[in-house]
Amino acid sequence: MAAARRGCQQPSRALPRRKAIVARERREGDRPMILRFFRRDDGRETIQRLYGAIVAHSRDPSFYTAYGVPDTIEGRFEMILVHAFLLFHRLKSEGEEQRALGQRVFDAFCVDMDANLREMGVSDVAVPKRMKKVAESFYGRVGAYDGALDRDDAQALTEGVLRNVFSSDSARGAEARAMAAYIREAARSLAALPFATLAAGEFPLPAPAGFISEERSAP
């Protein structure tokens, strides 16, 4: 995946540096080309809207009721990873400037994860280690889902979902197949979505409930 390759950095280090770069570019009168896509000059509103949409999609109640995803910190985290992956998978076919949008959303994800860990009482010393594991989990999921989608391998995608989202619970095969079908359809719909829609902070996806209903009604 081209976007978000540098991994989660500590917010105190990553964010000021990015702000300094933007400030320098403004002083020099050479604003980044990517900013022309954003509603606001620095794109912060767009980034927050996109990341907010990722979180909102991940909290769709049907994932935790009909699909049976555990309504736990781990289960919610897995669903955020699924939806973040869908955005980055869509952006990887774009040019370098457009892919910068994905990196900034990934930065927002890292900041959010860092804040959540601290709110949960994780010590300052332990946070960097936990954030490293967050990044490793993210790249592991990306590798599994991205390769399966690129090969149009429904079985491999189902196996990846079963392993990551359902902890390899063989009783969740139908749910894993339904979620894999949801991911495939979401990727197809996003592929046809103009980049300008994403740059406006919009991240439309299909309703997940129908996929599990179809799976359970299949002969």
Protein backbone atom coordinates (compact mmCIF):
# COMPACT_ATOMS: atom_id res chain seq x y z
CA MET A 1 0.00 0.00 0.00
CA ALA A 2 1.45 3.31 -1.06
CA ALA A 3 -0.39 5.44 1.48
CA ALA A 4 0.50 5.39 5.16
CA ARG A 5 3.76 3.52 4.70
CA ARG A 6 5.73 5.39 7.32
CA GLY A 7 3.66 3.87 10.11
CA CYS A 8 2.28 5.31 13.33
CA GLN A 9 4.47 8.00 14.79
CA GLN A 10 4.10 9.61 18.16
CA PRO A 11 1.75 12.57 17.66
CA SER A 12 4.11 14.92 19.48
CA ARG A 13 6.72 14.23 16.82
CA ALA A 14 4.67 13.73 13.68
CA LEU A 15 2.12 16.54 13.83
CA PRO A 16 4.34 19.57 14.56
CA ARG A 17 6.65 18.59 11.72
CA ARG A 18 3.75 18.46 9.26
CA LYS A 19 2.46 21.82 10.52
CA ALA A 20 5.92 23.30 10.06
CA ILE A 21 6.06 22.07 6.48
CA VAL A 22 2.67 23.58 5.66
CA ALA A 23 3.67 26.86 7.33
CA ARG A 24 6.89 27.00 5.33
CA GLU A 25 5.05 26.32 2.08
CA ARG A 26 2.61 29.12 2.84
CA ARG A 27 5.45 31.53 3.55
CA GLU A 28 7.08 30.57 0.30
CA GLY A 29 3.85 31.03 -1.62
CA ASP A 30 4.05 27.50 -3.00
CA ARG A 31 1.10 25.68 -1.49
CA PRO A 32 0.89 21.89 -1.98
CA MET A 33 -1.13 20.87 -5.03
CA ILE A 34 -3.15 18.41 -2.95
CA LEU A 35 -4.67 21.29 -0.99
CA ARG A 36 -6.63 22.45 -4.00
CA PHE A 37 -8.92 19.46 -3.50
CA PHE A 38 -9.82 20.37 0.06
CA ARG A 39 -12.66 22.54 1.27
CA ARG A 40 -10.40 24.31 3.74
CA ASP A 41 -6.90 25.50 3.01
CA ASP A 42 -5.09 22.94 5.13
CA GLY A 43 -7.54 20.05 4.65
CA ARG A 44 -8.07 19.41 8.36
CA GLU A 45 -11.85 19.43 8.01
CA THR A 46 -11.69 16.88 5.19
CA ILE A 47 -9.37 14.61 7.16
CA GLN A 48 -11.56 14.70 10.23
CA ARG A 49 -14.68 14.04 8.18
CA LEU A 50 -13.10 11.06 6.45
CA TYR A 51 -11.77 9.56 9.65
CA GLY A 52 -15.10 10.26 11.33
CA ALA A 53 -16.83 8.40 8.50
CA ILE A 54 -14.48 5.43 8.95
CA VAL A 55 -15.35 5.27 12.65
CA ALA A 56 -19.07 5.72 11.95
CA HIS A 57 -19.11 2.88 9.42
CA SER A 58 -17.21 0.66 11.83
CA ARG A 59 -19.88 1.24 14.48
CA ASP A 60 -22.80 0.11 12.33
CA PRO A 61 -24.89 -1.95 14.79
CA SER A 62 -25.40 -4.78 12.31
CA PHE A 63 -21.73 -5.75 12.59
CA TYR A 64 -22.18 -6.45 16.30
CA THR A 65 -25.65 -7.99 16.11
CA ALA A 66 -26.24 -9.74 12.78
CA TYR A 67 -22.57 -10.46 12.07
CA GLY A 68 -21.65 -11.24 15.66
CA VAL A 69 -18.44 -9.19 15.76
CA PRO A 70 -17.49 -9.00 19.44
CA ASP A 71 -18.63 -5.65 20.86
CA THR A 72 -15.31 -5.19 22.60
CA ILE A 73 -12.31 -2.91 22.21
CA GLU A 74 -10.70 -5.54 20.01
CA GLY A 75 -13.81 -6.06 17.89
CA ARG A 76 -14.33 -2.34 17.31
CA PHE A 77 -10.65 -1.95 16.49
CA GLU A 78 -10.90 -4.66 13.83
CA MET A 79 -13.87 -2.92 12.22
CA ILE A 80 -11.99 0.39 12.13
CA LEU A 81 -9.13 -1.41 10.40
CA VAL A 82 -11.50 -2.91 7.81
CA HIS A 83 -12.92 0.49 6.90
CA ALA A 84 -9.59 2.32 7.00
CA PHE A 85 -8.25 -0.37 4.67
CA LEU A 86 -11.09 0.28 2.21
CA LEU A 87 -10.13 3.95 1.97
CA PHE A 88 -6.44 3.21 1.44
CA HIS A 89 -7.21 0.48 -1.08
CA ARG A 90 -9.22 3.02 -3.07
CA LEU A 91 -6.45 5.62 -2.94
CA LYS A 92 -3.60 3.36 -4.00
CA SER A 93 -4.58 3.74 -7.67
CA GLU A 94 -4.32 7.53 -7.45
CA GLY A 95 -1.30 9.72 -8.07
CA GLU A 96 1.22 10.59 -5.41
CA GLU A 97 -0.43 13.87 -4.44
CA GLN A 98 -3.84 12.25 -4.05
CA ARG A 99 -2.39 9.41 -2.00
CA ALA A 100 -1.20 12.04 0.48
CA LEU A 101 -4.81 12.18 1.60
CA GLY A 102 -4.50 8.60 2.80
CA GLN A 103 -1.37 9.38 4.79
CA ARG A 104 -3.09 12.23 6.58
CA VAL A 105 -6.09 10.06 7.44
CA PHE A 106 -3.67 7.41 8.72
CA ASP A 107 -2.03 10.07 10.88
CA ALA A 108 -5.47 10.91 12.31
CA PHE A 109 -6.00 7.21 13.03
CA CYS A 110 -2.67 7.05 14.88
CA VAL A 111 -3.48 10.14 16.93
CA ASP A 112 -6.86 8.66 17.87
CA MET A 113 -5.34 5.31 18.86
CA ASP A 114 -2.68 7.08 20.94
CA ALA A 115 -5.34 9.12 22.74
CA ASN A 116 -7.49 6.05 23.38
CA LEU A 117 -4.58 4.16 24.88
CA ARG A 118 -3.84 7.02 27.25
CA GLU A 119 -7.50 7.29 28.24
CA MET A 120 -7.43 3.58 29.04
CA GLY A 121 -4.60 4.25 31.47
CA VAL A 122 -1.67 2.97 29.42
CA SER A 123 1.50 4.64 30.72
CA ASP A 124 3.60 7.05 28.68
CA VAL A 125 6.38 4.48 28.64
CA ALA A 126 4.14 1.71 27.32
CA VAL A 127 2.25 3.75 24.70
CA PRO A 128 5.00 3.62 22.02
CA LYS A 129 5.19 -0.17 22.27
CA ARG A 130 1.42 -0.47 22.02
CA MET A 131 1.37 1.89 19.06
CA LYS A 132 3.96 -0.26 17.32
CA LYS A 133 1.62 -3.22 17.72
CA VAL A 134 -1.26 -1.14 16.34
CA ALA A 135 0.79 -0.36 13.23
CA GLU A 136 1.83 -3.99 12.85
CA SER A 137 -1.80 -5.10 13.12
CA PHE A 138 -2.82 -2.58 10.51
CA TYR A 139 -0.18 -3.64 7.99
CA GLY A 140 -0.95 -7.30 8.60
CA ARG A 141 -4.61 -6.76 7.79
CA VAL A 142 -3.78 -4.65 4.77
CA GLY A 143 -1.53 -7.38 3.40
CA ALA A 144 -4.22 -10.03 3.82
CA TYR A 145 -7.14 -8.01 2.45
CA ASP A 146 -5.29 -6.14 -0.28
CA GLY A 147 -3.74 -9.21 -1.84
CA ALA A 148 -7.04 -11.10 -1.83
CA LEU A 149 -8.88 -8.21 -3.48
CA ASP A 150 -6.19 -7.72 -6.11
CA ARG A 151 -6.40 -11.41 -7.01
CA ASP A 152 -10.21 -11.36 -6.77
CA ASP A 153 -9.84 -14.30 -4.40
CA ALA A 154 -13.05 -14.46 -2.38
CA GLN A 155 -11.88 -17.49 -0.41
CA ALA A 156 -8.63 -15.86 0.67
CA LEU A 157 -10.49 -12.72 1.72
CA THR A 158 -12.98 -14.80 3.71
CA GLU A 159 -10.12 -16.60 5.43
CA GLY A 160 -8.48 -13.27 6.28
CA VAL A 161 -11.70 -11.93 7.77
CA LEU A 162 -12.32 -15.14 9.72
CA ARG A 163 -8.78 -15.04 11.13
CA ASN A 164 -8.67 -11.36 12.03
CA VAL A 165 -12.22 -10.34 12.85
CA PHE A 166 -13.54 -13.64 14.23
CA SER A 167 -10.34 -15.06 15.76
CA SER A 168 -10.49 -18.12 13.46
CA ASP A 169 -13.80 -19.26 14.96
CA SER A 170 -14.98 -21.88 12.47
CA ALA A 171 -18.57 -21.38 13.63
CA ARG A 172 -18.46 -17.90 12.09
CA GLY A 173 -17.92 -19.05 8.52
CA ALA A 174 -21.18 -17.58 7.23
CA GLU A 175 -20.46 -14.25 8.90
CA ALA A 176 -16.93 -14.18 7.48
CA ARG A 177 -18.23 -14.89 3.97
CA ALA A 178 -20.81 -12.13 4.32
CA MET A 179 -18.24 -9.61 5.51
CA ALA A 180 -15.88 -10.59 2.70
CA ALA A 181 -18.74 -9.98 0.25
CA TYR A 182 -19.33 -6.59 1.89
CA ILE A 183 -15.66 -5.66 1.56
CA ARG A 184 -15.57 -6.72 -2.09
CA GLU A 185 -18.69 -4.72 -2.95
CA ALA A 186 -17.46 -1.71 -0.99
CA ALA A 187 -14.15 -1.83 -2.88
CA ARG A 188 -15.99 -2.03 -6.21
CA SER A 189 -18.22 0.93 -5.38
CA LEU A 190 -15.27 3.00 -4.16
CA ALA A 191 -13.32 2.23 -7.34
CA ALA A 192 -16.03 4.02 -9.30
CA LEU A 193 -16.12 6.96 -6.89
CA PRO A 194 -14.45 10.17 -8.10
CA PHE A 195 -11.52 11.31 -6.00
CA ALA A 196 -13.24 14.68 -5.59
CA THR A 197 -15.91 12.96 -3.47
CA LEU A 198 -13.29 11.69 -1.04
CA ALA A 199 -11.54 15.06 -1.06
CA ALA A 200 -14.85 16.60 0.03
CA GLY A 201 -14.77 14.36 3.09
CA GLU A 202 -17.42 11.91 1.87
CA PHE A 203 -16.93 8.16 2.19
CA PRO A 204 -20.10 6.36 1.04
CA LEU A 205 -20.30 2.58 1.48
CA PRO A 206 -23.01 -0.04 0.96
CA ALA A 207 -25.21 -1.05 3.89
CA PRO A 208 -23.68 -4.15 5.51
CA ALA A 209 -26.92 -5.70 6.79
CA GLY A 210 -27.99 -6.97 3.37
CA PHE A 211 -24.89 -9.12 2.90
CA ILE A 212 -25.41 -11.20 6.01
CA SER A 213 -29.11 -11.58 5.16
CA GLU A 214 -28.21 -12.88 1.70
CA GLU A 215 -25.64 -15.27 3.11
CA ARG A 216 -28.07 -16.78 5.58
CA SER A 217 -30.86 -17.09 3.03
CA ALA A 218 -28.64 -18.83 0.47
CA PRO A 219 -29.40 -22.56 -0.05
